[in-house]
């Protein structure tokens, strides 16, 4: 049996692409302060997940 392909880089790139268009949509609808708050919230969630909480 062969190893499964490693799709980590493709998944990370597509995640970045999706994050960028979502931030662009939010920016066009509600402005930059909302995007900054959303980014700070996502950063806090990622930090919390990284600590195992």
PDB file of N, CA and C in Angstrom:
ATOM      1  N   UNK A   1       0.847  -1.176   0.000  1.00  0.00           N
ATOM      2  CA  UNK A   1       0.000   0.000   0.000  1.00  0.00           C
ATOM      3  C   UNK A   1       0.893   1.240   0.000  1.00  0.00           C
ATOM      4  N   UNK A   2       0.557   2.204  -0.843  1.00  0.00           N
ATOM      5  CA  UNK A   2       1.338   3.441  -0.923  1.00  0.00           C
ATOM      6  C   UNK A   2       0.875   4.437   0.131  1.00  0.00           C
ATOM      7  N   UNK A   3       1.774   5.387   0.413  1.00  0.00           N
ATOM      8  CA  UNK A   3       1.420   6.448   1.361  1.00  0.00           C
ATOM      9  C   UNK A   3       0.413   7.399   0.733  1.00  0.00           C
ATOM     10  N   UNK A   4      -0.393   8.006   1.574  1.00  0.00           N
ATOM     11  CA  UNK A   4      -1.338   9.016   1.109  1.00  0.00           C
ATOM     12  C   UNK A   4      -0.574  10.288   0.754  1.00  0.00           C
ATOM     13  N   UNK A   5      -1.033  11.014  -0.264  1.00  0.00           N
ATOM     14  CA  UNK A   5      -0.354  12.268  -0.616  1.00  0.00           C
ATOM     15  C   UNK A   5      -0.470  13.304   0.503  1.00  0.00           C
ATOM     16  N   UNK A   6       0.539  14.142   0.589  1.00  0.00           N
ATOM     17  CA  UNK A   6       0.558  15.195   1.599  1.00  0.00           C
ATOM     18  C   UNK A   6      -0.055  16.465   0.998  1.00  0.00           C
ATOM     19  N   UNK A   7      -1.236  16.806   1.451  1.00  0.00           N
ATOM     20  CA  UNK A   7      -1.944  17.976   0.940  1.00  0.00           C
ATOM     21  C   UNK A   7      -1.878  19.157   1.894  1.00  0.00           C
ATOM     22  N   UNK A   8      -0.934  19.164   2.804  1.00  0.00           N
ATOM     23  CA  UNK A   8      -0.851  20.225   3.803  1.00  0.00           C
ATOM     24  C   UNK A   8      -0.658  21.594   3.155  1.00  0.00           C
ATOM     25  N   UNK A   9       0.302  21.712   2.239  1.00  0.00           N
ATOM     26  CA  UNK A   9       0.559  23.014   1.610  1.00  0.00           C
ATOM     27  C   UNK A   9      -0.648  23.494   0.820  1.00  0.00           C
ATOM     28  N   UNK A  10      -1.288  22.610   0.085  1.00  0.00           N
ATOM     29  CA  UNK A  10      -2.467  23.004  -0.687  1.00  0.00           C
ATOM     30  C   UNK A  10      -3.586  23.472   0.239  1.00  0.00           C
ATOM     31  N   UNK A  11      -3.782  22.774   1.352  1.00  0.00           N
ATOM     32  CA  UNK A  11      -4.827  23.169   2.295  1.00  0.00           C
ATOM     33  C   UNK A  11      -4.527  24.528   2.923  1.00  0.00           C
ATOM     34  N   UNK A  12      -3.267  24.773   3.275  1.00  0.00           N
ATOM     35  CA  UNK A  12      -2.899  26.063   3.861  1.00  0.00           C
ATOM     36  C   UNK A  12      -3.070  27.202   2.870  1.00  0.00           C
ATOM     37  N   UNK A  13      -2.691  26.984   1.617  1.00  0.00           N
ATOM     38  CA  UNK A  13      -2.835  28.024   0.603  1.00  0.00           C
ATOM     39  C   UNK A  13      -4.308  28.323   0.350  1.00  0.00           C
ATOM     40  N   UNK A  14      -5.134  27.285   0.234  1.00  0.00           N
ATOM     41  CA  UNK A  14      -6.562  27.515   0.022  1.00  0.00           C
ATOM     42  C   UNK A  14      -7.202  28.178   1.239  1.00  0.00           C
ATOM     43  N   UNK A  15      -6.735  27.859   2.435  1.00  0.00           N
ATOM     44  CA  UNK A  15      -7.224  28.542   3.626  1.00  0.00           C
ATOM     45  C   UNK A  15      -6.894  30.022   3.589  1.00  0.00           C
ATOM     46  N   UNK A  16      -5.684  30.354   3.139  1.00  0.00           N
ATOM     47  CA  UNK A  16      -5.304  31.762   3.009  1.00  0.00           C
ATOM     48  C   UNK A  16      -6.168  32.470   1.967  1.00  0.00           C
ATOM     49  N   UNK A  17      -6.386  31.819   0.827  1.00  0.00           N
ATOM     50  CA  UNK A  17      -7.220  32.413  -0.227  1.00  0.00           C
ATOM     51  C   UNK A  17      -8.625  32.682   0.304  1.00  0.00           C
ATOM     52  N   UNK A  18      -9.202  31.720   1.002  1.00  0.00           N
ATOM     53  CA  UNK A  18     -10.544  31.902   1.548  1.00  0.00           C
ATOM     54  C   UNK A  18     -10.577  33.002   2.608  1.00  0.00           C
ATOM     55  N   UNK A  19      -9.563  33.049   3.446  1.00  0.00           N
ATOM     56  CA  UNK A  19      -9.503  34.096   4.469  1.00  0.00           C
ATOM     57  C   UNK A  19      -9.415  35.476   3.833  1.00  0.00           C
ATOM     58  N   UNK A  20      -8.633  35.601   2.770  1.00  0.00           N
ATOM     59  CA  UNK A  20      -8.487  36.901   2.105  1.00  0.00           C
ATOM     60  C   UNK A  20      -9.779  37.374   1.469  1.00  0.00           C
ATOM     61  N   UNK A  21     -10.512  36.478   0.783  1.00  0.00           N
ATOM     62  CA  UNK A  21     -11.749  36.962   0.150  1.00  0.00           C
ATOM     63  C   UNK A  21     -12.821  37.248   1.195  1.00  0.00           C
ATOM     64  N   UNK A  22     -12.825  36.495   2.287  1.00  0.00           N
ATOM     65  CA  UNK A  22     -13.804  36.781   3.346  1.00  0.00           C
ATOM     66  C   UNK A  22     -13.486  38.123   4.002  1.00  0.00           C
ATOM     67  N   UNK A  23     -12.194  38.377   4.291  1.00  0.00           N
ATOM     68  CA  UNK A  23     -11.810  39.677   4.851  1.00  0.00           C
ATOM     69  C   UNK A  23     -12.141  40.802   3.873  1.00  0.00           C
ATOM     70  N   UNK A  24     -11.924  40.582   2.579  1.00  0.00           N
ATOM     71  CA  UNK A  24     -12.258  41.603   1.583  1.00  0.00           C
ATOM     72  C   UNK A  24     -13.743  41.896   1.551  1.00  0.00           C
ATOM     73  N   UNK A  25     -14.564  40.866   1.649  1.00  0.00           N
ATOM     74  CA  UNK A  25     -16.015  41.062   1.671  1.00  0.00           C
ATOM     75  C   UNK A  25     -16.448  41.811   2.923  1.00  0.00           C
ATOM     76  N   UNK A  26     -15.935  41.407   4.074  1.00  0.00           N
ATOM     77  CA  UNK A  26     -16.281  42.082   5.329  1.00  0.00           C
ATOM     78  C   UNK A  26     -15.826  43.538   5.283  1.00  0.00           C
ATOM     79  N   UNK A  27     -14.633  43.783   4.728  1.00  0.00           N
ATOM     80  CA  UNK A  27     -14.115  45.145   4.619  1.00  0.00           C
ATOM     81  C   UNK A  27     -15.017  45.999   3.743  1.00  0.00           C
ATOM     82  N   UNK A  28     -15.486  45.442   2.636  1.00  0.00           N
ATOM     83  CA  UNK A  28     -16.332  46.232   1.737  1.00  0.00           C
ATOM     84  C   UNK A  28     -17.717  46.491   2.332  1.00  0.00           C
ATOM     85  N   UNK A  29     -18.196  45.591   3.172  1.00  0.00           N
ATOM     86  CA  UNK A  29     -19.524  45.767   3.761  1.00  0.00           C
ATOM     87  C   UNK A  29     -19.507  46.628   5.024  1.00  0.00           C
ATOM     88  N   UNK A  30     -18.537  46.399   5.915  1.00  0.00           N
ATOM     89  CA  UNK A  30     -18.575  47.047   7.217  1.00  0.00           C
ATOM     90  C   UNK A  30     -17.345  47.868   7.567  1.00  0.00           C
ATOM     91  N   UNK A  31     -16.298  47.804   6.762  1.00  0.00           N
ATOM     92  CA  UNK A  31     -15.133  48.650   6.992  1.00  0.00           C
ATOM     93  C   UNK A  31     -13.973  47.932   7.663  1.00  0.00           C
ATOM     94  N   UNK A  32     -12.848  48.624   7.654  1.00  0.00           N
ATOM     95  CA  UNK A  32     -11.604  48.072   8.179  1.00  0.00           C
ATOM     96  C   UNK A  32     -11.636  47.777   9.683  1.00  0.00           C
ATOM     97  N   UNK A  33     -12.260  48.603  10.524  1.00  0.00           N
ATOM     98  CA  UNK A  33     -12.259  48.273  11.956  1.00  0.00           C
ATOM     99  C   UNK A  33     -12.891  46.913  12.257  1.00  0.00           C
ATOM    100  N   UNK A  34     -13.921  46.542  11.522  1.00  0.00           N
ATOM    101  CA  UNK A  34     -14.560  45.243  11.750  1.00  0.00           C
ATOM    102  C   UNK A  34     -13.619  44.116  11.329  1.00  0.00           C
ATOM    103  N   UNK A  35     -12.886  44.315  10.241  1.00  0.00           N
ATOM    104  CA  UNK A  35     -11.917  43.308   9.797  1.00  0.00           C
ATOM    105  C   UNK A  35     -10.819  43.143  10.849  1.00  0.00           C
ATOM    106  N   UNK A  36     -10.356  44.251  11.405  1.00  0.00           N
ATOM    107  CA  UNK A  36      -9.315  44.175  12.427  1.00  0.00           C
ATOM    108  C   UNK A  36      -9.813  43.460  13.677  1.00  0.00           C
ATOM    109  N   UNK A  37     -11.050  43.719  14.063  1.00  0.00           N
ATOM    110  CA  UNK A  37     -11.619  43.013  15.219  1.00  0.00           C
ATOM    111  C   UNK A  37     -11.784  41.524  14.928  1.00  0.00           C
ATOM    112  N   UNK A  38     -12.230  41.202  13.734  1.00  0.00           N
ATOM    113  CA  UNK A  38     -12.375  39.799  13.336  1.00  0.00           C
ATOM    114  C   UNK A  38     -11.019  39.099  13.325  1.00  0.00           C
ATOM    115  N   UNK A  39      -9.998  39.765  12.804  1.00  0.00           N
ATOM    116  CA  UNK A  39      -8.654  39.187  12.771  1.00  0.00           C
ATOM    117  C   UNK A  39      -8.117  38.972  14.193  1.00  0.00           C
ATOM    118  N   UNK A  40      -8.358  39.929  15.073  1.00  0.00           N
ATOM    119  CA  UNK A  40      -7.905  39.779  16.460  1.00  0.00           C
ATOM    120  C   UNK A  40      -8.632  38.629  17.144  1.00  0.00           C
ATOM    121  N   UNK A  41      -9.927  38.493  16.865  1.00  0.00           N
ATOM    122  CA  UNK A  41     -10.682  37.381  17.434  1.00  0.00           C
ATOM    123  C   UNK A  41     -10.200  36.030  16.927  1.00  0.00           C
ATOM    124  N   UNK A  42      -9.927  35.941  15.624  1.00  0.00           N
ATOM    125  CA  UNK A  42      -9.395  34.696  15.070  1.00  0.00           C
ATOM    126  C   UNK A  42      -8.027  34.367  15.656  1.00  0.00           C
ATOM    127  N   UNK A  43      -7.199  35.376  15.828  1.00  0.00           N
ATOM    128  CA  UNK A  43      -5.881  35.170  16.426  1.00  0.00           C
ATOM    129  C   UNK A  43      -6.006  34.643  17.856  1.00  0.00           C
ATOM    130  N   UNK A  44      -6.932  35.195  18.607  1.00  0.00           N
ATOM    131  CA  UNK A  44      -7.135  34.732  19.983  1.00  0.00           C
ATOM    132  C   UNK A  44      -7.618  33.283  20.000  1.00  0.00           C
ATOM    133  N   UNK A  45      -8.516  32.928  19.073  1.00  0.00           N
ATOM    134  CA  UNK A  45      -8.994  31.543  19.010  1.00  0.00           C
ATOM    135  C   UNK A  45      -7.882  30.578  18.618  1.00  0.00           C
ATOM    136  N   UNK A  46      -7.043  30.978  17.687  1.00  0.00           N
ATOM    137  CA  UNK A  46      -5.932  30.124  17.269  1.00  0.00           C
ATOM    138  C   UNK A  46      -4.926  29.954  18.401  1.00  0.00           C
ATOM    139  N   UNK A  47      -4.624  31.038  19.116  1.00  0.00           N
ATOM    140  CA  UNK A  47      -3.730  30.947  20.266  1.00  0.00           C
ATOM    141  C   UNK A  47      -4.296  30.028  21.347  1.00  0.00           C
ATOM    142  N   UNK A  48      -5.593  30.150  21.574  1.00  0.00           N
ATOM    143  CA  UNK A  48      -6.239  29.310  22.598  1.00  0.00           C
ATOM    144  C   UNK A  48      -6.223  27.846  22.190  1.00  0.00           C
ATOM    145  N   UNK A  49      -6.453  27.577  20.908  1.00  0.00           N
ATOM    146  CA  UNK A  49      -6.418  26.190  20.407  1.00  0.00           C
ATOM    147  C   UNK A  49      -4.996  25.644  20.494  1.00  0.00           C
ATOM    148  N   UNK A  50      -4.010  26.491  20.269  1.00  0.00           N
ATOM    149  CA  UNK A  50      -2.615  26.056  20.332  1.00  0.00           C
ATOM    150  C   UNK A  50      -2.174  25.685  21.734  1.00  0.00           C
ATOM    151  N   UNK A  51      -2.798  26.294  22.726  1.00  0.00           N
ATOM    152  CA  UNK A  51      -2.479  25.972  24.121  1.00  0.00           C
ATOM    153  C   UNK A  51      -3.204  24.725  24.591  1.00  0.00           C
ATOM    154  N   UNK A  52      -4.159  24.232  23.801  1.00  0.00           N
ATOM    155  CA  UNK A  52      -4.884  23.030  24.172  1.00  0.00           C
ATOM    156  C   UNK A  52      -6.107  23.297  25.029  1.00  0.00           C
ATOM    157  N   UNK A  53      -6.555  24.530  25.075  1.00  0.00           N
ATOM    158  CA  UNK A  53      -7.719  24.855  25.901  1.00  0.00           C
ATOM    159  C   UNK A  53      -9.005  24.682  25.136  1.00  0.00           C
TER     160      UNK A  53
END
